[in-house]
Structure formats: C-alpha cells, structure tokens
mmCIF file of all heavy atoms, coordinates in Angstrom:
data_MODEL
# 
_entry.id   MODEL 
# 
loop_
_atom_site.group_PDB 
_atom_site.id 
_atom_site.type_symbol 
_atom_site.label_atom_id 
_atom_site.label_alt_id 
_atom_site.label_comp_id 
_atom_site.label_asym_id 
_atom_site.label_entity_id 
_atom_site.label_seq_id 
_atom_site.pdbx_PDB_ins_code 
_atom_site.Cartn_x 
_atom_site.Cartn_y 
_atom_site.Cartn_z 
_atom_site.occupancy 
_atom_site.B_iso_or_equiv 
_atom_site.pdbx_formal_charge 
_atom_site.auth_seq_id 
_atom_site.auth_comp_id 
_atom_site.auth_asym_id 
_atom_site.auth_atom_id 
_atom_site.pdbx_PDB_model_num 
ATOM 1   N N   . TYR A 1 1  ? 3.847   0.133  7.083   1.00 0.00 ? 1  TYR A N   1 
ATOM 2   C CA  . TYR A 1 1  ? 5.012   0.096  6.329   1.00 0.00 ? 1  TYR A CA  1 
ATOM 3   C C   . TYR A 1 1  ? 4.897   0.546  4.973   1.00 0.00 ? 1  TYR A C   1 
ATOM 4   O O   . TYR A 1 1  ? 3.790   0.744  4.502   1.00 0.00 ? 1  TYR A O   1 
ATOM 5   C CB  . TYR A 1 1  ? 5.567   -1.307 6.264   1.00 0.00 ? 1  TYR A CB  1 
ATOM 6   C CG  . TYR A 1 1  ? 4.776   -2.268 5.534   1.00 0.00 ? 1  TYR A CG  1 
ATOM 7   C CD1 . TYR A 1 1  ? 4.833   -2.511 4.054   1.00 0.00 ? 1  TYR A CD1 1 
ATOM 8   C CD2 . TYR A 1 1  ? 3.881   -3.159 6.196   1.00 0.00 ? 1  TYR A CD2 1 
ATOM 9   C CE1 . TYR A 1 1  ? 4.094   -3.412 3.443   1.00 0.00 ? 1  TYR A CE1 1 
ATOM 10  C CE2 . TYR A 1 1  ? 3.147   -4.067 5.506   1.00 0.00 ? 1  TYR A CE2 1 
ATOM 11  C CZ  . TYR A 1 1  ? 3.224   -4.161 4.191   1.00 0.00 ? 1  TYR A CZ  1 
ATOM 12  O OH  . TYR A 1 1  ? 2.404   -5.125 3.425   1.00 0.00 ? 1  TYR A OH  1 
ATOM 13  N N   . PHE A 1 2  ? 6.001   0.854  4.215   1.00 0.00 ? 2  PHE A N   1 
ATOM 14  C CA  . PHE A 1 2  ? 5.904   1.427  2.857   1.00 0.00 ? 2  PHE A CA  1 
ATOM 15  C C   . PHE A 1 2  ? 6.895   0.514  2.064   1.00 0.00 ? 2  PHE A C   1 
ATOM 16  O O   . PHE A 1 2  ? 7.935   0.185  2.520   1.00 0.00 ? 2  PHE A O   1 
ATOM 17  C CB  . PHE A 1 2  ? 6.310   2.790  2.767   1.00 0.00 ? 2  PHE A CB  1 
ATOM 18  C CG  . PHE A 1 2  ? 6.735   3.324  1.375   1.00 0.00 ? 2  PHE A CG  1 
ATOM 19  C CD1 . PHE A 1 2  ? 5.656   3.734  0.475   1.00 0.00 ? 2  PHE A CD1 1 
ATOM 20  C CD2 . PHE A 1 2  ? 8.021   3.383  0.934   1.00 0.00 ? 2  PHE A CD2 1 
ATOM 21  C CE1 . PHE A 1 2  ? 5.869   4.087  -0.754  1.00 0.00 ? 2  PHE A CE1 1 
ATOM 22  C CE2 . PHE A 1 2  ? 8.256   3.813  -0.462  1.00 0.00 ? 2  PHE A CE2 1 
ATOM 23  C CZ  . PHE A 1 2  ? 7.247   4.102  -1.225  1.00 0.00 ? 2  PHE A CZ  1 
ATOM 24  N N   . CYS A 1 3  ? 6.450   0.152  0.767   1.00 0.00 ? 3  CYS A N   1 
ATOM 25  C CA  . CYS A 1 3  ? 7.382   -0.519 -0.113  1.00 0.00 ? 3  CYS A CA  1 
ATOM 26  C C   . CYS A 1 3  ? 6.956   -0.294 -1.568  1.00 0.00 ? 3  CYS A C   1 
ATOM 27  O O   . CYS A 1 3  ? 5.827   0.299  -1.772  1.00 0.00 ? 3  CYS A O   1 
ATOM 28  C CB  . CYS A 1 3  ? 7.297   -2.036 0.201   1.00 0.00 ? 3  CYS A CB  1 
ATOM 29  S SG  . CYS A 1 3  ? 5.795   -2.770 0.039   1.00 0.00 ? 3  CYS A SG  1 
ATOM 30  N N   . VAL A 1 4  ? 7.892   -0.623 -2.450  1.00 0.00 ? 4  VAL A N   1 
ATOM 31  C CA  . VAL A 1 4  ? 7.574   -0.539 -3.823  1.00 0.00 ? 4  VAL A CA  1 
ATOM 32  C C   . VAL A 1 4  ? 7.635   -1.735 -4.595  1.00 0.00 ? 4  VAL A C   1 
ATOM 33  O O   . VAL A 1 4  ? 8.726   -2.429 -4.383  1.00 0.00 ? 4  VAL A O   1 
ATOM 34  C CB  . VAL A 1 4  ? 8.518   0.603  -4.441  1.00 0.00 ? 4  VAL A CB  1 
ATOM 35  C CG1 . VAL A 1 4  ? 8.310   0.731  -5.990  1.00 0.00 ? 4  VAL A CG1 1 
ATOM 36  C CG2 . VAL A 1 4  ? 8.485   1.892  -3.816  1.00 0.00 ? 4  VAL A CG2 1 
ATOM 37  N N   . ASP A 1 5  ? 6.668   -2.140 -5.152  1.00 0.00 ? 5  ASP A N   1 
ATOM 38  C CA  . ASP A 1 5  ? 6.573   -3.333 -6.075  1.00 0.00 ? 5  ASP A CA  1 
ATOM 39  C C   . ASP A 1 5  ? 6.699   -2.900 -7.540  1.00 0.00 ? 5  ASP A C   1 
ATOM 40  O O   . ASP A 1 5  ? 5.934   -2.138 -7.954  1.00 0.00 ? 5  ASP A O   1 
ATOM 41  C CB  . ASP A 1 5  ? 5.240   -4.056 -5.806  1.00 0.00 ? 5  ASP A CB  1 
ATOM 42  C CG  . ASP A 1 5  ? 5.258   -5.507 -6.508  1.00 0.00 ? 5  ASP A CG  1 
ATOM 43  O OD1 . ASP A 1 5  ? 5.135   -5.569 -7.742  1.00 0.00 ? 5  ASP A OD1 1 
ATOM 44  O OD2 . ASP A 1 5  ? 5.293   -6.560 -5.770  1.00 0.00 ? 5  ASP A OD2 1 
ATOM 45  N N   . PRO A 1 6  ? 7.624   -3.605 -8.347  1.00 0.00 ? 6  PRO A N   1 
ATOM 46  C CA  . PRO A 1 6  ? 7.812   -3.143 -9.785  1.00 0.00 ? 6  PRO A CA  1 
ATOM 47  C C   . PRO A 1 6  ? 6.509   -3.299 -10.513 1.00 0.00 ? 6  PRO A C   1 
ATOM 48  O O   . PRO A 1 6  ? 6.362   -2.685 -11.615 1.00 0.00 ? 6  PRO A O   1 
ATOM 49  C CB  . PRO A 1 6  ? 8.884   -4.017 -10.254 1.00 0.00 ? 6  PRO A CB  1 
ATOM 50  C CG  . PRO A 1 6  ? 8.982   -5.175 -9.182  1.00 0.00 ? 6  PRO A CG  1 
ATOM 51  C CD  . PRO A 1 6  ? 8.468   -4.667 -7.966  1.00 0.00 ? 6  PRO A CD  1 
ATOM 52  N N   . VAL A 1 7  ? 5.547   -4.181 -10.092 1.00 0.00 ? 7  VAL A N   1 
ATOM 53  C CA  . VAL A 1 7  ? 4.369   -4.436 -10.884 1.00 0.00 ? 7  VAL A CA  1 
ATOM 54  C C   . VAL A 1 7  ? 3.199   -3.568 -10.284 1.00 0.00 ? 7  VAL A C   1 
ATOM 55  O O   . VAL A 1 7  ? 2.437   -2.920 -11.024 1.00 0.00 ? 7  VAL A O   1 
ATOM 56  C CB  . VAL A 1 7  ? 4.006   -5.906 -10.827 1.00 0.00 ? 7  VAL A CB  1 
ATOM 57  C CG1 . VAL A 1 7  ? 2.547   -6.192 -11.540 1.00 0.00 ? 7  VAL A CG1 1 
ATOM 58  C CG2 . VAL A 1 7  ? 5.109   -6.782 -11.494 1.00 0.00 ? 7  VAL A CG2 1 
ATOM 59  N N   . VAL A 1 8  ? 2.901   -3.768 -8.927  1.00 0.00 ? 8  VAL A N   1 
ATOM 60  C CA  . VAL A 1 8  ? 1.784   -3.099 -8.333  1.00 0.00 ? 8  VAL A CA  1 
ATOM 61  C C   . VAL A 1 8  ? 2.034   -1.429 -8.161  1.00 0.00 ? 8  VAL A C   1 
ATOM 62  O O   . VAL A 1 8  ? 1.025   -0.737 -8.315  1.00 0.00 ? 8  VAL A O   1 
ATOM 63  C CB  . VAL A 1 8  ? 1.478   -3.654 -6.954  1.00 0.00 ? 8  VAL A CB  1 
ATOM 64  C CG1 . VAL A 1 8  ? 0.499   -2.926 -6.242  1.00 0.00 ? 8  VAL A CG1 1 
ATOM 65  C CG2 . VAL A 1 8  ? 1.176   -5.132 -7.131  1.00 0.00 ? 8  VAL A CG2 1 
ATOM 66  N N   . GLY A 1 9  ? 3.324   -1.128 -7.921  1.00 0.00 ? 9  GLY A N   1 
ATOM 67  C CA  . GLY A 1 9  ? 3.497   0.269  -7.538  1.00 0.00 ? 9  GLY A CA  1 
ATOM 68  C C   . GLY A 1 9  ? 3.993   0.414  -6.203  1.00 0.00 ? 9  GLY A C   1 
ATOM 69  O O   . GLY A 1 9  ? 4.318   -0.414 -5.542  1.00 0.00 ? 9  GLY A O   1 
ATOM 70  N N   . ALA A 1 10 ? 3.841   1.764  -5.642  1.00 0.00 ? 10 ALA A N   1 
ATOM 71  C CA  . ALA A 1 10 ? 4.219   2.096  -4.292  1.00 0.00 ? 10 ALA A CA  1 
ATOM 72  C C   . ALA A 1 10 ? 3.036   1.871  -3.431  1.00 0.00 ? 10 ALA A C   1 
ATOM 73  O O   . ALA A 1 10 ? 1.897   2.268  -3.717  1.00 0.00 ? 10 ALA A O   1 
ATOM 74  C CB  . ALA A 1 10 ? 4.629   3.551  -4.161  1.00 0.00 ? 10 ALA A CB  1 
ATOM 75  N N   . THR A 1 11 ? 3.225   1.196  -2.236  1.00 0.00 ? 11 THR A N   1 
ATOM 76  C CA  . THR A 1 11 ? 2.110   0.799  -1.295  1.00 0.00 ? 11 THR A CA  1 
ATOM 77  C C   . THR A 1 11 ? 2.504   1.278  0.065   1.00 0.00 ? 11 THR A C   1 
ATOM 78  O O   . THR A 1 11 ? 3.544   0.998  0.631   1.00 0.00 ? 11 THR A O   1 
ATOM 79  C CB  . THR A 1 11 ? 1.823   -0.616 -1.338  1.00 0.00 ? 11 THR A CB  1 
ATOM 80  O OG1 . THR A 1 11 ? 1.320   -1.024 -2.722  1.00 0.00 ? 11 THR A OG1 1 
ATOM 81  C CG2 . THR A 1 11 ? 0.750   -1.038 -0.487  1.00 0.00 ? 11 THR A CG2 1 
ATOM 82  N N   . VAL A 1 12 ? 1.476   1.864  0.797   1.00 0.00 ? 12 VAL A N   1 
ATOM 83  C CA  . VAL A 1 12 ? 1.568   1.988  2.262   1.00 0.00 ? 12 VAL A CA  1 
ATOM 84  C C   . VAL A 1 12 ? 0.432   0.996  2.760   1.00 0.00 ? 12 VAL A C   1 
ATOM 85  O O   . VAL A 1 12 ? -0.687  1.042  2.296   1.00 0.00 ? 12 VAL A O   1 
ATOM 86  C CB  . VAL A 1 12 ? 1.217   3.461  2.599   1.00 0.00 ? 12 VAL A CB  1 
ATOM 87  C CG1 . VAL A 1 12 ? 0.816   3.501  4.145   1.00 0.00 ? 12 VAL A CG1 1 
ATOM 88  C CG2 . VAL A 1 12 ? 2.408   4.294  2.392   1.00 0.00 ? 12 VAL A CG2 1 
ATOM 89  N N   . ALA A 1 13 ? 0.823   0.105  3.746   1.00 0.00 ? 13 ALA A N   1 
ATOM 90  C CA  . ALA A 1 13 ? -0.157  -0.732 4.396   1.00 0.00 ? 13 ALA A CA  1 
ATOM 91  C C   . ALA A 1 13 ? -0.208  -0.466 5.822   1.00 0.00 ? 13 ALA A C   1 
ATOM 92  O O   . ALA A 1 13 ? 0.814   -0.246 6.458   1.00 0.00 ? 13 ALA A O   1 
ATOM 93  C CB  . ALA A 1 13 ? 0.222   -2.258 4.117   1.00 0.00 ? 13 ALA A CB  1 
ATOM 94  N N   . THR A 1 14 ? -1.284  -0.578 6.490   1.00 0.00 ? 14 THR A N   1 
ATOM 95  C CA  . THR A 1 14 ? -1.429  -0.382 7.952   1.00 0.00 ? 14 THR A CA  1 
ATOM 96  C C   . THR A 1 14 ? -2.676  -1.152 8.423   1.00 0.00 ? 14 THR A C   1 
ATOM 97  O O   . THR A 1 14 ? -3.568  -1.594 7.673   1.00 0.00 ? 14 THR A O   1 
ATOM 98  C CB  . THR A 1 14 ? -1.549  1.186  8.201   1.00 0.00 ? 14 THR A CB  1 
ATOM 99  O OG1 . THR A 1 14 ? -1.582  1.332  9.634   1.00 0.00 ? 14 THR A OG1 1 
ATOM 100 C CG2 . THR A 1 14 ? -2.800  1.746  7.656   1.00 0.00 ? 14 THR A CG2 1 
ATOM 101 N N   . TYR A 1 15 ? -2.794  -1.196 9.759   1.00 0.00 ? 15 TYR A N   1 
ATOM 102 C CA  . TYR A 1 15 ? -3.961  -1.744 10.370  1.00 0.00 ? 15 TYR A CA  1 
ATOM 103 C C   . TYR A 1 15 ? -4.284  -1.040 11.678  1.00 0.00 ? 15 TYR A C   1 
ATOM 104 O O   . TYR A 1 15 ? -3.334  -0.443 12.257  1.00 0.00 ? 15 TYR A O   1 
ATOM 105 C CB  . TYR A 1 15 ? -3.824  -3.302 10.599  1.00 0.00 ? 15 TYR A CB  1 
ATOM 106 C CG  . TYR A 1 15 ? -3.086  -3.644 11.796  1.00 0.00 ? 15 TYR A CG  1 
ATOM 107 C CD1 . TYR A 1 15 ? -3.842  -3.867 13.070  1.00 0.00 ? 15 TYR A CD1 1 
ATOM 108 C CD2 . TYR A 1 15 ? -1.750  -3.789 11.760  1.00 0.00 ? 15 TYR A CD2 1 
ATOM 109 C CE1 . TYR A 1 15 ? -3.073  -4.366 14.144  1.00 0.00 ? 15 TYR A CE1 1 
ATOM 110 C CE2 . TYR A 1 15 ? -1.093  -4.124 12.870  1.00 0.00 ? 15 TYR A CE2 1 
ATOM 111 C CZ  . TYR A 1 15 ? -1.745  -4.408 14.122  1.00 0.00 ? 15 TYR A CZ  1 
ATOM 112 O OH  . TYR A 1 15 ? -0.981  -4.660 15.205  1.00 0.00 ? 15 TYR A OH  1 
ATOM 113 N N   . ASP A 1 16 ? -5.401  -1.124 12.091  1.00 0.00 ? 16 ASP A N   1 
ATOM 114 C CA  . ASP A 1 16 ? -5.720  -0.780 13.469  1.00 0.00 ? 16 ASP A CA  1 
ATOM 115 C C   . ASP A 1 16 ? -7.041  -1.392 13.860  1.00 0.00 ? 16 ASP A C   1 
ATOM 116 O O   . ASP A 1 16 ? -8.044  -1.317 13.019  1.00 0.00 ? 16 ASP A O   1 
ATOM 117 C CB  . ASP A 1 16 ? -5.925  0.830  13.582  1.00 0.00 ? 16 ASP A CB  1 
ATOM 118 C CG  . ASP A 1 16 ? -6.028  1.331  14.859  1.00 0.00 ? 16 ASP A CG  1 
ATOM 119 O OD1 . ASP A 1 16 ? -5.548  0.706  15.908  1.00 0.00 ? 16 ASP A OD1 1 
ATOM 120 O OD2 . ASP A 1 16 ? -6.529  2.500  15.064  1.00 0.00 ? 16 ASP A OD2 1 
ATOM 121 N N   . ALA A 1 17 ? -7.143  -1.893 15.113  1.00 0.00 ? 17 ALA A N   1 
ATOM 122 C CA  . ALA A 1 17 ? -8.400  -2.522 15.631  1.00 0.00 ? 17 ALA A CA  1 
ATOM 123 C C   . ALA A 1 17 ? -8.946  -3.544 14.517  1.00 0.00 ? 17 ALA A C   1 
ATOM 124 O O   . ALA A 1 17 ? -8.414  -4.494 14.264  1.00 0.00 ? 17 ALA A O   1 
ATOM 125 C CB  . ALA A 1 17 ? -9.404  -1.357 15.894  1.00 0.00 ? 17 ALA A CB  1 
ATOM 126 N N   . ASN A 1 18 ? -10.085 -3.162 13.877  1.00 0.00 ? 18 ASN A N   1 
ATOM 127 C CA  . ASN A 1 18 ? -10.797 -4.030 12.977  1.00 0.00 ? 18 ASN A CA  1 
ATOM 128 C C   . ASN A 1 18 ? -10.669 -3.693 11.510  1.00 0.00 ? 18 ASN A C   1 
ATOM 129 O O   . ASN A 1 18 ? -11.505 -3.970 10.741  1.00 0.00 ? 18 ASN A O   1 
ATOM 130 C CB  . ASN A 1 18 ? -12.253 -4.124 13.306  1.00 0.00 ? 18 ASN A CB  1 
ATOM 131 C CG  . ASN A 1 18 ? -13.001 -2.757 13.035  1.00 0.00 ? 18 ASN A CG  1 
ATOM 132 O OD1 . ASN A 1 18 ? -12.462 -1.701 13.397  1.00 0.00 ? 18 ASN A OD1 1 
ATOM 133 N ND2 . ASN A 1 18 ? -14.277 -2.815 12.803  1.00 0.00 ? 18 ASN A ND2 1 
ATOM 134 N N   . VAL A 1 19 ? -9.643  -2.774 11.173  1.00 0.00 ? 19 VAL A N   1 
ATOM 135 C CA  . VAL A 1 19 ? -9.428  -2.416 9.845   1.00 0.00 ? 19 VAL A CA  1 
ATOM 136 C C   . VAL A 1 19 ? -8.081  -2.715 9.249   1.00 0.00 ? 19 VAL A C   1 
ATOM 137 O O   . VAL A 1 19 ? -7.036  -2.582 10.052  1.00 0.00 ? 19 VAL A O   1 
ATOM 138 C CB  . VAL A 1 19 ? -9.762  -0.967 9.542   1.00 0.00 ? 19 VAL A CB  1 
ATOM 139 C CG1 . VAL A 1 19 ? -8.797  -0.028 10.301  1.00 0.00 ? 19 VAL A CG1 1 
ATOM 140 C CG2 . VAL A 1 19 ? -9.748  -0.544 8.045   1.00 0.00 ? 19 VAL A CG2 1 
ATOM 141 N N   . TYR A 1 20 ? -7.943  -3.273 7.983   1.00 0.00 ? 20 TYR A N   1 
ATOM 142 C CA  . TYR A 1 20 ? -6.759  -3.407 7.334   1.00 0.00 ? 20 TYR A CA  1 
ATOM 143 C C   . TYR A 1 20 ? -6.802  -2.468 6.097   1.00 0.00 ? 20 TYR A C   1 
ATOM 144 O O   . TYR A 1 20 ? -7.763  -2.600 5.273   1.00 0.00 ? 20 TYR A O   1 
ATOM 145 C CB  . TYR A 1 20 ? -6.571  -4.802 6.837   1.00 0.00 ? 20 TYR A CB  1 
ATOM 146 C CG  . TYR A 1 20 ? -5.388  -5.117 5.972   1.00 0.00 ? 20 TYR A CG  1 
ATOM 147 C CD1 . TYR A 1 20 ? -4.111  -4.836 6.235   1.00 0.00 ? 20 TYR A CD1 1 
ATOM 148 C CD2 . TYR A 1 20 ? -5.713  -5.578 4.539   1.00 0.00 ? 20 TYR A CD2 1 
ATOM 149 C CE1 . TYR A 1 20 ? -3.108  -4.995 5.369   1.00 0.00 ? 20 TYR A CE1 1 
ATOM 150 C CE2 . TYR A 1 20 ? -4.666  -5.695 3.692   1.00 0.00 ? 20 TYR A CE2 1 
ATOM 151 C CZ  . TYR A 1 20 ? -3.381  -5.485 4.184   1.00 0.00 ? 20 TYR A CZ  1 
ATOM 152 O OH  . TYR A 1 20 ? -2.319  -5.675 3.155   1.00 0.00 ? 20 TYR A OH  1 
ATOM 153 N N   . LEU A 1 21 ? -5.822  -1.603 5.935   1.00 0.00 ? 21 LEU A N   1 
ATOM 154 C CA  . LEU A 1 21 ? -5.862  -0.561 4.896   1.00 0.00 ? 21 LEU A CA  1 
ATOM 155 C C   . LEU A 1 21 ? -4.641  -0.576 4.010   1.00 0.00 ? 21 LEU A C   1 
ATOM 156 O O   . LEU A 1 21 ? -3.554  -0.712 4.570   1.00 0.00 ? 21 LEU A O   1 
ATOM 157 C CB  . LEU A 1 21 ? -5.998  0.808  5.653   1.00 0.00 ? 21 LEU A CB  1 
ATOM 158 C CG  . LEU A 1 21 ? -6.097  2.059  4.760   1.00 0.00 ? 21 LEU A CG  1 
ATOM 159 C CD1 . LEU A 1 21 ? -7.417  2.224  4.093   1.00 0.00 ? 21 LEU A CD1 1 
ATOM 160 C CD2 . LEU A 1 21 ? -5.637  3.288  5.473   1.00 0.00 ? 21 LEU A CD2 1 
ATOM 161 N N   . THR A 1 22 ? -4.848  -0.446 2.750   1.00 0.00 ? 22 THR A N   1 
ATOM 162 C CA  . THR A 1 22 ? -3.660  -0.209 1.812   1.00 0.00 ? 22 THR A CA  1 
ATOM 163 C C   . THR A 1 22 ? -3.933  0.966  0.920   1.00 0.00 ? 22 THR A C   1 
ATOM 164 O O   . THR A 1 22 ? -5.025  1.353  0.577   1.00 0.00 ? 22 THR A O   1 
ATOM 165 C CB  . THR A 1 22 ? -3.471  -1.436 0.833   1.00 0.00 ? 22 THR A CB  1 
ATOM 166 O OG1 . THR A 1 22 ? -4.575  -1.656 0.090   1.00 0.00 ? 22 THR A OG1 1 
ATOM 167 C CG2 . THR A 1 22 ? -3.097  -2.688 1.749   1.00 0.00 ? 22 THR A CG2 1 
ATOM 168 N N   . VAL A 1 23 ? -2.828  1.731  0.713   1.00 0.00 ? 23 VAL A N   1 
ATOM 169 C CA  . VAL A 1 23 ? -2.900  2.882  -0.293  1.00 0.00 ? 23 VAL A CA  1 
ATOM 170 C C   . VAL A 1 23 ? -1.871  2.765  -1.215  1.00 0.00 ? 23 VAL A C   1 
ATOM 171 O O   . VAL A 1 23 ? -0.670  2.572  -0.826  1.00 0.00 ? 23 VAL A O   1 
ATOM 172 C CB  . VAL A 1 23 ? -2.748  4.239  0.509   1.00 0.00 ? 23 VAL A CB  1 
ATOM 173 C CG1 . VAL A 1 23 ? -2.777  5.323  -0.463  1.00 0.00 ? 23 VAL A CG1 1 
ATOM 174 C CG2 . VAL A 1 23 ? -3.734  4.433  1.649   1.00 0.00 ? 23 VAL A CG2 1 
ATOM 175 N N   . THR A 1 24 ? -2.182  2.690  -2.584  1.00 0.00 ? 24 THR A N   1 
ATOM 176 C CA  . THR A 1 24 ? -1.311  2.269  -3.573  1.00 0.00 ? 24 THR A CA  1 
ATOM 177 C C   . THR A 1 24 ? -1.277  3.393  -4.671  1.00 0.00 ? 24 THR A C   1 
ATOM 178 O O   . THR A 1 24 ? -2.270  3.903  -4.949  1.00 0.00 ? 24 THR A O   1 
ATOM 179 C CB  . THR A 1 24 ? -1.571  0.926  -4.222  1.00 0.00 ? 24 THR A CB  1 
ATOM 180 O OG1 . THR A 1 24 ? -1.453  -0.073 -3.291  1.00 0.00 ? 24 THR A OG1 1 
ATOM 181 C CG2 . THR A 1 24 ? -0.528  0.556  -5.345  1.00 0.00 ? 24 THR A CG2 1 
ATOM 182 N N   . ALA A 1 25 ? -0.074  3.724  -5.105  1.00 0.00 ? 25 ALA A N   1 
ATOM 183 C CA  . ALA A 1 25 ? 0.062   4.614  -6.249  1.00 0.00 ? 25 ALA A CA  1 
ATOM 184 C C   . ALA A 1 25 ? 0.775   3.955  -7.392  1.00 0.00 ? 25 ALA A C   1 
ATOM 185 O O   . ALA A 1 25 ? 1.849   3.428  -7.209  1.00 0.00 ? 25 ALA A O   1 
ATOM 186 C CB  . ALA A 1 25 ? 0.916   5.884  -5.840  1.00 0.00 ? 25 ALA A CB  1 
ATOM 187 N N   . ALA A 1 26 ? 0.151   3.977  -8.532  1.00 0.00 ? 26 ALA A N   1 
ATOM 188 C CA  . ALA A 1 26 ? 0.702   3.498  -9.777  1.00 0.00 ? 26 ALA A CA  1 
ATOM 189 C C   . ALA A 1 26 ? 0.796   4.486  -10.874 1.00 0.00 ? 26 ALA A C   1 
ATOM 190 O O   . ALA A 1 26 ? -0.061  5.304  -10.943 1.00 0.00 ? 26 ALA A O   1 
ATOM 191 C CB  . ALA A 1 26 ? -0.170  2.170  -10.214 1.00 0.00 ? 26 ALA A CB  1 
ATOM 192 N N   . ALA A 1 27 ? 1.900   4.527  -11.609 1.00 0.00 ? 27 ALA A N   1 
ATOM 193 C CA  . ALA A 1 27 ? 2.157   5.532  -12.678 1.00 0.00 ? 27 ALA A CA  1 
ATOM 194 C C   . ALA A 1 27 ? 0.963   5.297  -13.741 1.00 0.00 ? 27 ALA A C   1 
ATOM 195 O O   . ALA A 1 27 ? 0.763   4.198  -14.164 1.00 0.00 ? 27 ALA A O   1 
ATOM 196 C CB  . ALA A 1 27 ? 3.521   5.400  -13.220 1.00 0.00 ? 27 ALA A CB  1 
ATOM 197 N N   . LEU A 1 28 ? 0.524   6.492  -14.315 1.00 0.00 ? 28 LEU A N   1 
ATOM 198 C CA  . LEU A 1 28 ? -0.340  6.383  -15.420 1.00 0.00 ? 28 LEU A CA  1 
ATOM 199 C C   . LEU A 1 28 ? 0.404   5.990  -16.687 1.00 0.00 ? 28 LEU A C   1 
ATOM 200 O O   . LEU A 1 28 ? -0.179  5.140  -17.439 1.00 0.00 ? 28 LEU A O   1 
ATOM 201 C CB  . LEU A 1 28 ? -0.946  7.858  -15.651 1.00 0.00 ? 28 LEU A CB  1 
ATOM 202 C CG  . LEU A 1 28 ? -2.066  8.284  -14.847 1.00 0.00 ? 28 LEU A CG  1 
ATOM 203 C CD1 . LEU A 1 28 ? -2.471  9.753  -15.093 1.00 0.00 ? 28 LEU A CD1 1 
ATOM 204 C CD2 . LEU A 1 28 ? -3.269  7.390  -14.894 1.00 0.00 ? 28 LEU A CD2 1 
# 
C-alpha cells in the first residue's frame, strides 16, 4: 500500500515471504 503521513512523509509498505519492506520519501 501507499500512504502519506504529515510527519514521516510518503511511504510504500509491502511484504513477501520472510521480508517486510518500507520505502519512505521525506522532503529535504
């Protein structure tokens, strides 16, 4: 899924088998 948190920034979260992964972008 994708969502935007006003503090953390934009985040993509996913999982597969034995991994949990997040990718976040925050403004400089």
